[in-house]
Amino acid sequence: MGTNKSLTWKGKGLIGVVHLKPLPGSPRYRGSMREVCNAAVADAQAYEEGGAQGIMIENFGDLPFTRGVVAPETVAAMAVVAESIRATGVELPCGFNVLRNDVSSAMALAASCGGAFVRVNVHTGAVEADQGIIQGEAYTTMRKRATLCPEVGIWADVLVKHAVPIGDLGIEETARDTFHRGLADALIVSGVSTGAATEVDDLRRVKEACPEAPLLVGSGARTTNAPELLEYADGLIVASSLKLDGILTNPVDVKRVEELRKVMG
């Protein structure tokens, strides 16, 4: 798979998500950025050792999420984490997802920290989520990308998890809008929630609607279903099934990464 923006690989790709512990300013922050950075570095190293082709840094511990722009301390903390990972010698291409939908901050991080891509949960259209109504800002995003970090890929969800779409567009038309009208560089299809399996039929429908679009699985990939998902997808974005004992809050298990890469071929 290859996007037309900075990140390419041969065959099927594996992007490991670095789920950050709560950051400064969030309700569950424990007061130690050293602890946050050490955990993130360990996960990034496990992904690299296990054979992943990239990592994506995500402020996963910052519940509850905002539907708008995150606080400046969040962006600062994520930059510190990214540089801590690089300082240990991890060479994997890196992307950013600033939850819930702050693609502007994600692009700022990518521009400042040498990021290859950003994930945007709602790029076009609108959804209802636990944060309320979230609207896509493709107009603003693509213009800011052009001036700030033109080499950074925009990876956009199609009918993102933890949300329901507003309107009756089907998955095919949503994919076409996201790729052709929103100008996303790659499309992501997920299950209904974090760790929930992505439906193979959803992948098929999106691939048929946008055969030229790089397509990634955004949730629920594991050794048991990866071959089936990869019949249509060009790569997997994975975290939950690669944690120790498959428990979401645990560190990444390098053996699980190796096993998934083996299944992926």
C-alpha atoms as a PDB file:
ATOM      1  CA  MET A   1       0.000   0.000   0.000  1.00  0.00           C
ATOM      2  CA  GLY A   2       1.158   3.528  -0.558  1.00  0.00           C
ATOM      3  CA  THR A   3      -0.523   6.822   0.055  1.00  0.00           C
ATOM      4  CA  ASN A   4       0.600   9.707  -2.110  1.00  0.00           C
ATOM      5  CA  LYS A   5       1.862  11.401   1.068  1.00  0.00           C
ATOM      6  CA  SER A   6       5.084  10.286   2.727  1.00  0.00           C
ATOM      7  CA  LEU A   7       4.283   6.778   3.938  1.00  0.00           C
ATOM      8  CA  THR A   8       4.613   3.724   1.711  1.00  0.00           C
ATOM      9  CA  TRP A   9       5.233   0.047   2.218  1.00  0.00           C
ATOM     10  CA  LYS A  10       5.320  -3.138   0.208  1.00  0.00           C
ATOM     11  CA  GLY A  11       2.460  -5.557   0.690  1.00  0.00           C
ATOM     12  CA  LYS A  12       0.099  -5.107   3.613  1.00  0.00           C
ATOM     13  CA  GLY A  13       1.012  -2.614   6.305  1.00  0.00           C
ATOM     14  CA  LEU A  14       0.696  -2.638  10.080  1.00  0.00           C
ATOM     15  CA  ILE A  15       0.355   0.629  12.005  1.00  0.00           C
ATOM     16  CA  GLY A  16       0.576   0.231  15.775  1.00  0.00           C
ATOM     17  CA  VAL A  17      -1.303   2.727  17.921  1.00  0.00           C
ATOM     18  CA  VAL A  18       0.574   4.181  20.887  1.00  0.00           C
ATOM     19  CA  HIS A  19      -2.216   4.770  23.406  1.00  0.00           C
ATOM     20  CA  LEU A  20      -0.943   7.538  25.653  1.00  0.00           C
ATOM     21  CA  LYS A  21      -1.674   7.559  29.349  1.00  0.00           C
ATOM     22  CA  PRO A  22      -3.646  10.606  30.586  1.00  0.00           C
ATOM     23  CA  LEU A  23      -1.810  13.831  29.789  1.00  0.00           C
ATOM     24  CA  PRO A  24      -1.481  17.063  31.799  1.00  0.00           C
ATOM     25  CA  GLY A  25      -4.831  18.782  32.138  1.00  0.00           C
ATOM     26  CA  SER A  26      -6.922  15.628  31.794  1.00  0.00           C
ATOM     27  CA  PRO A  27      -8.874  14.342  34.824  1.00  0.00           C
ATOM     28  CA  ARG A  28      -6.845  11.145  35.245  1.00  0.00           C
ATOM     29  CA  TYR A  29      -3.363  12.603  34.815  1.00  0.00           C
ATOM     30  CA  ARG A  30      -1.097  11.192  37.517  1.00  0.00           C
ATOM     31  CA  GLY A  31       1.414  14.040  37.583  1.00  0.00           C
ATOM     32  CA  SER A  32       4.344  12.368  35.816  1.00  0.00           C
ATOM     33  CA  MET A  33       5.229  13.012  32.183  1.00  0.00           C
ATOM     34  CA  ARG A  34       8.167  10.663  32.688  1.00  0.00           C
ATOM     35  CA  GLU A  35       5.709   7.832  33.294  1.00  0.00           C
ATOM     36  CA  VAL A  36       3.720   8.825  30.191  1.00  0.00           C
ATOM     37  CA  CYS A  37       6.838   8.943  28.036  1.00  0.00           C
ATOM     38  CA  ASN A  38       8.337   5.694  29.348  1.00  0.00           C
ATOM     39  CA  ALA A  39       5.137   3.776  28.585  1.00  0.00           C
ATOM     40  CA  ALA A  40       4.869   5.293  25.104  1.00  0.00           C
ATOM     41  CA  VAL A  41       8.506   4.527  24.310  1.00  0.00           C
ATOM     42  CA  ALA A  42       8.105   0.909  25.428  1.00  0.00           C
ATOM     43  CA  ASP A  43       5.056   0.459  23.188  1.00  0.00           C
ATOM     44  CA  ALA A  44       6.758   2.087  20.193  1.00  0.00           C
ATOM     45  CA  GLN A  45       9.817  -0.133  20.629  1.00  0.00           C
ATOM     46  CA  ALA A  46       7.619  -3.234  20.840  1.00  0.00           C
ATOM     47  CA  TYR A  47       5.869  -2.294  17.599  1.00  0.00           C
ATOM     48  CA  GLU A  48       9.185  -1.734  15.839  1.00  0.00           C
ATOM     49  CA  GLU A  49      10.720  -4.962  17.152  1.00  0.00           C
ATOM     50  CA  GLY A  50       7.614  -6.893  16.172  1.00  0.00           C
ATOM     51  CA  GLY A  51       7.721  -5.698  12.569  1.00  0.00           C
ATOM     52  CA  ALA A  52       5.192  -2.853  12.315  1.00  0.00           C
ATOM     53  CA  GLN A  53       5.617  -0.354   9.469  1.00  0.00           C
ATOM     54  CA  GLY A  54       4.505   2.698  11.439  1.00  0.00           C
ATOM     55  CA  ILE A  55       3.070   4.023  14.686  1.00  0.00           C
ATOM     56  CA  MET A  56       0.270   6.429  15.484  1.00  0.00           C
ATOM     57  CA  ILE A  57       0.380   8.488  18.688  1.00  0.00           C
ATOM     58  CA  GLU A  58      -3.045   9.093  20.229  1.00  0.00           C
ATOM     59  CA  ASN A  59      -4.148  10.898  23.417  1.00  0.00           C
ATOM     60  CA  PHE A  60      -6.275   7.885  24.304  1.00  0.00           C
ATOM     61  CA  GLY A  61      -6.201   8.463  28.067  1.00  0.00           C
ATOM     62  CA  ASP A  62      -7.626  11.986  27.959  1.00  0.00           C
ATOM     63  CA  LEU A  63     -11.255  11.077  28.651  1.00  0.00           C
ATOM     64  CA  PRO A  64     -13.646  12.756  28.308  1.00  0.00           C
ATOM     65  CA  PHE A  65     -12.720  14.095  24.879  1.00  0.00           C
ATOM     66  CA  THR A  66     -13.615  17.459  23.424  1.00  0.00           C
ATOM     67  CA  ARG A  67     -15.353  17.819  20.091  1.00  0.00           C
ATOM     68  CA  GLY A  68     -13.276  20.937  19.370  1.00  0.00           C
ATOM     69  CA  VAL A  69      -9.685  22.065  19.735  1.00  0.00           C
ATOM     70  CA  VAL A  70      -7.722  20.461  22.577  1.00  0.00           C
ATOM     71  CA  ALA A  71      -5.911  22.501  25.215  1.00  0.00           C
ATOM     72  CA  PRO A  72      -2.362  23.685  24.433  1.00  0.00           C
ATOM     73  CA  GLU A  73      -0.940  21.504  27.213  1.00  0.00           C
ATOM     74  CA  THR A  74      -2.225  18.440  25.351  1.00  0.00           C
ATOM     75  CA  VAL A  75      -0.375  19.376  22.175  1.00  0.00           C
ATOM     76  CA  ALA A  76       2.766  20.192  24.154  1.00  0.00           C
ATOM     77  CA  ALA A  77       2.650  16.848  25.960  1.00  0.00           C
ATOM     78  CA  MET A  78       2.151  14.882  22.741  1.00  0.00           C
ATOM     79  CA  ALA A  79       5.140  16.656  21.190  1.00  0.00           C
ATOM     80  CA  VAL A  80       7.263  15.722  24.209  1.00  0.00           C
ATOM     81  CA  VAL A  81       6.180  12.088  23.829  1.00  0.00           C
ATOM     82  CA  ALA A  82       6.955  12.042  20.107  1.00  0.00           C
ATOM     83  CA  GLU A  83      10.430  13.436  20.670  1.00  0.00           C
ATOM     84  CA  SER A  84      11.035  10.969  23.522  1.00  0.00           C
ATOM     85  CA  ILE A  85      10.232   8.104  21.165  1.00  0.00           C
ATOM     86  CA  ARG A  86      12.569   9.454  18.486  1.00  0.00           C
ATOM     87  CA  ALA A  87      15.344  10.020  21.035  1.00  0.00           C
ATOM     88  CA  THR A  88      15.433   6.283  21.815  1.00  0.00           C
ATOM     89  CA  GLY A  89      16.174   5.451  18.193  1.00  0.00           C
ATOM     90  CA  VAL A  90      12.749   4.265  17.009  1.00  0.00           C
ATOM     91  CA  GLU A  91      12.746   4.956  13.264  1.00  0.00           C
ATOM     92  CA  LEU A  92       9.202   3.980  12.321  1.00  0.00           C
ATOM     93  CA  PRO A  93       7.156   6.607  10.457  1.00  0.00           C
ATOM     94  CA  CYS A  94       4.871   8.333  12.944  1.00  0.00           C
ATOM     95  CA  GLY A  95       1.357   9.737  12.729  1.00  0.00           C
ATOM     96  CA  PHE A  96      -0.909  11.596  15.127  1.00  0.00           C
ATOM     97  CA  ASN A  97      -4.560  11.354  16.121  1.00  0.00           C
ATOM     98  CA  VAL A  98      -5.733  14.117  18.469  1.00  0.00           C
ATOM     99  CA  LEU A  99      -9.052  13.028  19.934  1.00  0.00           C
ATOM    100  CA  ARG A 100     -11.768  13.582  19.338  1.00  0.00           C
ATOM    101  CA  ASN A 101     -11.370  15.395  16.038  1.00  0.00           C
ATOM    102  CA  ASP A 102      -8.648  18.039  16.366  1.00  0.00           C
ATOM    103  CA  VAL A 103      -6.899  17.538  13.046  1.00  0.00           C
ATOM    104  CA  SER A 104      -5.480  21.058  13.182  1.00  0.00           C
ATOM    105  CA  SER A 105      -3.433  20.184  16.283  1.00  0.00           C
ATOM    106  CA  ALA A 106      -2.505  16.827  14.752  1.00  0.00           C
ATOM    107  CA  MET A 107      -1.093  18.587  11.697  1.00  0.00           C
ATOM    108  CA  ALA A 108       0.827  20.998  13.926  1.00  0.00           C
ATOM    109  CA  LEU A 109       2.365  18.001  15.701  1.00  0.00           C
ATOM    110  CA  ALA A 110       3.213  16.332  12.412  1.00  0.00           C
ATOM    111  CA  ALA A 111       4.811  19.507  11.095  1.00  0.00           C
ATOM    112  CA  SER A 112       6.859  20.011  14.286  1.00  0.00           C
ATOM    113  CA  CYS A 113       7.799  16.398  15.012  1.00  0.00           C
ATOM    114  CA  GLY A 114       8.394  15.000  11.539  1.00  0.00           C
ATOM    115  CA  GLY A 115       5.077  13.163  11.326  1.00  0.00           C
ATOM    116  CA  ALA A 116       4.078  11.294   8.164  1.00  0.00           C
ATOM    117  CA  PHE A 117       0.297  11.319   8.520  1.00  0.00           C
ATOM    118  CA  VAL A 118      -2.640  12.347  10.687  1.00  0.00           C
ATOM    119  CA  ARG A 119      -5.908  10.583  11.362  1.00  0.00           C
ATOM    120  CA  VAL A 120      -9.115  12.602  11.270  1.00  0.00           C
ATOM    121  CA  ASN A 121     -12.243  10.906  12.631  1.00  0.00           C
ATOM    122  CA  VAL A 122     -14.772  13.177  10.891  1.00  0.00           C
ATOM    123  CA  HIS A 123     -13.419  14.762   7.707  1.00  0.00           C
ATOM    124  CA  THR A 124     -16.655  15.348   5.806  1.00  0.00           C
ATOM    125  CA  GLY A 125     -20.304  15.296   6.874  1.00  0.00           C
ATOM    126  CA  ALA A 126     -21.392  15.202  10.511  1.00  0.00           C
ATOM    127  CA  VAL A 127     -21.920  12.635  13.255  1.00  0.00           C
ATOM    128  CA  GLU A 128     -23.534  12.424  16.669  1.00  0.00           C
ATOM    129  CA  ALA A 129     -21.114  11.146  19.308  1.00  0.00           C
ATOM    130  CA  ASP A 130     -20.744  11.237  23.082  1.00  0.00           C
ATOM    131  CA  GLN A 131     -19.125  14.661  22.609  1.00  0.00           C
ATOM    132  CA  GLY A 132     -22.237  15.935  20.795  1.00  0.00           C
ATOM    133  CA  ILE A 133     -22.430  16.918  17.140  1.00  0.00           C
ATOM    134  CA  ILE A 134     -19.078  16.744  15.343  1.00  0.00           C
ATOM    135  CA  GLN A 135     -18.804  18.257  11.887  1.00  0.00           C
ATOM    136  CA  GLY A 136     -16.136  17.643   9.301  1.00  0.00           C
ATOM    137  CA  GLU A 137     -13.827  20.528   8.431  1.00  0.00           C
ATOM    138  CA  ALA A 138     -12.316  19.297   5.168  1.00  0.00           C
ATOM    139  CA  TYR A 139     -12.275  22.816   3.705  1.00  0.00           C
ATOM    140  CA  THR A 140     -10.139  24.173   6.548  1.00  0.00           C
ATOM    141  CA  THR A 141      -8.040  21.037   6.953  1.00  0.00           C
ATOM    142  CA  MET A 142      -6.893  20.759   3.357  1.00  0.00           C
ATOM    143  CA  ARG A 143      -6.029  24.446   3.095  1.00  0.00           C
ATOM    144  CA  LYS A 144      -4.057  24.363   6.330  1.00  0.00           C
ATOM    145  CA  ARG A 145      -2.256  21.213   5.205  1.00  0.00           C
ATOM    146  CA  ALA A 146      -1.265  22.938   1.963  1.00  0.00           C
ATOM    147  CA  THR A 147       0.466  25.779   3.812  1.00  0.00           C
ATOM    148  CA  LEU A 148       1.733  24.026   6.956  1.00  0.00           C
ATOM    149  CA  CYS A 149       2.724  20.471   6.077  1.00  0.00           C
ATOM    150  CA  PRO A 150       1.932  19.558   2.456  1.00  0.00           C
ATOM    151  CA  GLU A 151       3.858  16.282   2.717  1.00  0.00           C
ATOM    152  CA  VAL A 152       1.676  14.930   5.570  1.00  0.00           C
ATOM    153  CA  GLY A 153      -1.021  12.413   4.639  1.00  0.00           C
ATOM    154  CA  ILE A 154      -4.656  12.866   5.696  1.00  0.00           C
ATOM    155  CA  TRP A 155      -6.107   9.503   6.739  1.00  0.00           C
ATOM    156  CA  ALA A 156      -9.855   9.898   7.198  1.00  0.00           C
ATOM    157  CA  ASP A 157     -12.438   7.642   8.806  1.00  0.00           C
ATOM    158  CA  VAL A 158     -15.547   6.611   6.917  1.00  0.00           C
ATOM    159  CA  LEU A 159     -18.491   6.456   9.369  1.00  0.00           C
ATOM    160  CA  VAL A 160     -16.182   6.591  12.365  1.00  0.00           C
ATOM    161  CA  LYS A 161     -16.588   4.358  15.441  1.00  0.00           C
ATOM    162  CA  HIS A 162     -18.236   5.598  18.651  1.00  0.00           C
ATOM    163  CA  ALA A 163     -20.608   7.720  16.563  1.00  0.00           C
ATOM    164  CA  VAL A 164     -23.640   7.594  14.282  1.00  0.00           C
ATOM    165  CA  PRO A 165     -23.894   9.596  11.050  1.00  0.00           C
ATOM    166  CA  ILE A 166     -26.320  12.476  10.668  1.00  0.00           C
ATOM    167  CA  GLY A 167     -28.149  11.949   7.399  1.00  0.00           C
ATOM    168  CA  ASP A 168     -28.869   8.884   5.314  1.00  0.00           C
ATOM    169  CA  LEU A 169     -25.816   8.651   3.083  1.00  0.00           C
ATOM    170  CA  GLY A 170     -24.663   5.073   2.764  1.00  0.00           C
ATOM    171  CA  ILE A 171     -21.111   3.949   3.385  1.00  0.00           C
ATOM    172  CA  GLU A 172     -20.288   4.023  -0.326  1.00  0.00           C
ATOM    173  CA  GLU A 173     -21.377   7.620  -0.855  1.00  0.00           C
ATOM    174  CA  THR A 174     -19.701   8.703   2.377  1.00  0.00           C
ATOM    175  CA  ALA A 175     -16.468   7.119   1.169  1.00  0.00           C
ATOM    176  CA  ARG A 176     -16.714   8.876  -2.195  1.00  0.00           C
ATOM    177  CA  ASP A 177     -17.343  12.230  -0.517  1.00  0.00           C
ATOM    178  CA  THR A 178     -14.421  11.726   1.861  1.00  0.00           C
ATOM    179  CA  PHE A 179     -11.973  10.703  -0.845  1.00  0.00           C
ATOM    180  CA  HIS A 180     -13.043  12.621  -3.949  1.00  0.00           C
ATOM    181  CA  ARG A 181     -14.583  15.763  -2.453  1.00  0.00           C
ATOM    182  CA  GLY A 182     -12.705  15.896   0.860  1.00  0.00           C
ATOM    183  CA  LEU A 183      -9.417  14.930  -0.851  1.00  0.00           C
ATOM    184  CA  ALA A 184      -8.352  12.508   1.882  1.00  0.00           C
ATOM    185  CA  ASP A 185      -5.228  10.504   1.060  1.00  0.00           C
ATOM    186  CA  ALA A 186      -6.436   7.249   2.643  1.00  0.00           C
ATOM    187  CA  LEU A 187      -9.692   5.892   4.046  1.00  0.00           C
ATOM    188  CA  ILE A 188     -10.237   4.082   7.358  1.00  0.00           C
ATOM    189  CA  VAL A 189     -13.113   1.723   8.130  1.00  0.00           C
ATOM    190  CA  SER A 190     -13.743   0.546  11.700  1.00  0.00           C
ATOM    191  CA  GLY A 191     -16.166  -1.423  13.830  1.00  0.00           C
ATOM    192  CA  VAL A 192     -18.648   0.302  16.130  1.00  0.00           C
ATOM    193  CA  SER A 193     -16.168   0.883  18.974  1.00  0.00           C
ATOM    194  CA  THR A 194     -12.535   0.551  20.044  1.00  0.00           C
ATOM    195  CA  GLY A 195     -11.464  -3.055  19.580  1.00  0.00           C
ATOM    196  CA  ALA A 196     -14.706  -4.045  17.822  1.00  0.00           C
ATOM    197  CA  ALA A 197     -14.190  -6.061  14.655  1.00  0.00           C
ATOM    198  CA  THR A 198     -14.494  -4.247  11.345  1.00  0.00           C
ATOM    199  CA  GLU A 199     -17.084  -5.776   9.051  1.00  0.00           C
ATOM    200  CA  VAL A 200     -15.563  -7.338   5.940  1.00  0.00           C
ATOM    201  CA  ASP A 201     -18.615  -6.310   3.936  1.00  0.00           C
ATOM    202  CA  ASP A 202     -18.051  -2.666   4.895  1.00  0.00           C
ATOM    203  CA  LEU A 203     -14.496  -2.911   3.580  1.00  0.00           C
ATOM    204  CA  ARG A 204     -15.722  -4.496   0.367  1.00  0.00           C
ATOM    205  CA  ARG A 205     -18.307  -1.784  -0.210  1.00  0.00           C
ATOM    206  CA  VAL A 206     -15.802   1.020   0.383  1.00  0.00           C
ATOM    207  CA  LYS A 207     -13.179  -0.625  -1.832  1.00  0.00           C
ATOM    208  CA  GLU A 208     -15.695  -1.042  -4.635  1.00  0.00           C
ATOM    209  CA  ALA A 209     -16.837   2.570  -4.261  1.00  0.00           C
ATOM    210  CA  CYS A 210     -13.263   3.951  -4.200  1.00  0.00           C
ATOM    211  CA  PRO A 211     -10.989   1.297  -5.716  1.00  0.00           C
ATOM    212  CA  GLU A 212      -8.111   3.758  -6.072  1.00  0.00           C
ATOM    213  CA  ALA A 213      -8.185   4.810  -2.398  1.00  0.00           C
ATOM    214  CA  PRO A 214      -5.709   3.253   0.051  1.00  0.00           C
ATOM    215  CA  LEU A 215      -7.912   1.494   2.606  1.00  0.00           C
ATOM    216  CA  LEU A 216      -7.079   0.717   6.236  1.00  0.00           C
ATOM    217  CA  VAL A 217      -8.839  -1.257   8.955  1.00  0.00           C
ATOM    218  CA  GLY A 218      -9.324   0.999  11.986  1.00  0.00           C
ATOM    219  CA  SER A 219     -10.360  -1.430  14.725  1.00  0.00           C
ATOM    220  CA  GLY A 220     -10.741  -5.049  15.730  1.00  0.00           C
ATOM    221  CA  ALA A 221      -7.970  -6.629  13.654  1.00  0.00           C
ATOM    222  CA  ARG A 222      -6.363  -9.728  15.162  1.00  0.00           C
ATOM    223  CA  THR A 223      -4.623 -12.890  14.019  1.00  0.00           C
ATOM    224  CA  THR A 224      -7.910 -14.730  13.560  1.00  0.00           C
ATOM    225  CA  ASN A 225      -9.503 -12.248  11.142  1.00  0.00           C
ATOM    226  CA  ALA A 226      -6.560 -10.400   9.554  1.00  0.00           C
ATOM    227  CA  PRO A 227      -6.394 -12.541   6.366  1.00  0.00           C
ATOM    228  CA  GLU A 228     -10.091 -11.961   5.705  1.00  0.00           C
ATOM    229  CA  LEU A 229      -9.849  -8.212   6.329  1.00  0.00           C
ATOM    230  CA  LEU A 230      -6.792  -7.909   4.116  1.00  0.00           C
ATOM    231  CA  GLU A 231      -8.668  -9.286   1.132  1.00  0.00           C
ATOM    232  CA  TYR A 232      -9.897  -5.712   0.732  1.00  0.00           C
ATOM    233  CA  ALA A 233      -7.767  -3.570   3.054  1.00  0.00           C
ATOM    234  CA  ASP A 234      -4.236  -2.392   2.336  1.00  0.00           C
ATOM    235  CA  GLY A 235      -3.248  -2.253   5.975  1.00  0.00           C
ATOM    236  CA  LEU A 236      -4.271  -2.519   9.607  1.00  0.00           C
ATOM    237  CA  ILE A 237      -4.298   0.075  12.379  1.00  0.00           C
ATOM    238  CA  VAL A 238      -4.103  -1.983  15.563  1.00  0.00           C
ATOM    239  CA  ALA A 239      -3.713  -1.608  19.317  1.00  0.00           C
ATOM    240  CA  SER A 240      -6.170  -3.634  21.428  1.00  0.00           C
ATOM    241  CA  SER A 241      -5.298  -7.140  20.232  1.00  0.00           C
ATOM    242  CA  LEU A 242      -1.566  -6.434  20.492  1.00  0.00           C
ATOM    243  CA  LYS A 243      -1.613  -5.592  24.188  1.00  0.00           C
ATOM    244  CA  LEU A 244      -0.377  -8.067  26.802  1.00  0.00           C
ATOM    245  CA  ASP A 245      -3.092 -10.734  27.273  1.00  0.00           C
ATOM    246  CA  GLY A 246      -5.258  -8.725  24.863  1.00  0.00           C
ATOM    247  CA  ILE A 247      -6.199  -6.254  27.620  1.00  0.00           C
ATOM    248  CA  LEU A 248      -6.549  -2.692  26.317  1.00  0.00           C
ATOM    249  CA  THR A 249      -4.851  -0.989  29.254  1.00  0.00           C
ATOM    250  CA  ASN A 250      -1.779  -3.245  29.196  1.00  0.00           C
ATOM    251  CA  PRO A 251       1.530  -2.562  27.394  1.00  0.00           C
ATOM    252  CA  VAL A 252       2.098  -3.742  23.839  1.00  0.00           C
ATOM    253  CA  ASP A 253       3.298  -7.358  23.638  1.00  0.00           C
ATOM    254  CA  VAL A 254       6.025  -7.753  21.018  1.00  0.00           C
ATOM    255  CA  LYS A 255       5.152 -11.438  20.578  1.00  0.00           C
ATOM    256  CA  ARG A 256       1.594 -10.532  19.617  1.00  0.00           C
ATOM    257  CA  VAL A 257       2.920  -8.008  17.095  1.00  0.00           C
ATOM    258  CA  GLU A 258       5.186 -10.677  15.601  1.00  0.00           C
ATOM    259  CA  GLU A 259       2.303 -13.157  15.411  1.00  0.00           C
ATOM    260  CA  LEU A 260       0.065 -10.686  13.598  1.00  0.00           C
ATOM    261  CA  ARG A 261       2.822  -9.762  11.155  1.00  0.00           C
ATOM    262  CA  LYS A 262       3.367 -13.461  10.437  1.00  0.00           C
ATOM    263  CA  VAL A 263      -0.323 -13.937   9.676  1.00  0.00           C
ATOM    264  CA  MET A 264      -0.269 -10.848   7.453  1.00  0.00           C
ATOM    265  CA  GLY A 265       2.619 -12.292   5.464  1.00  0.00           C
END
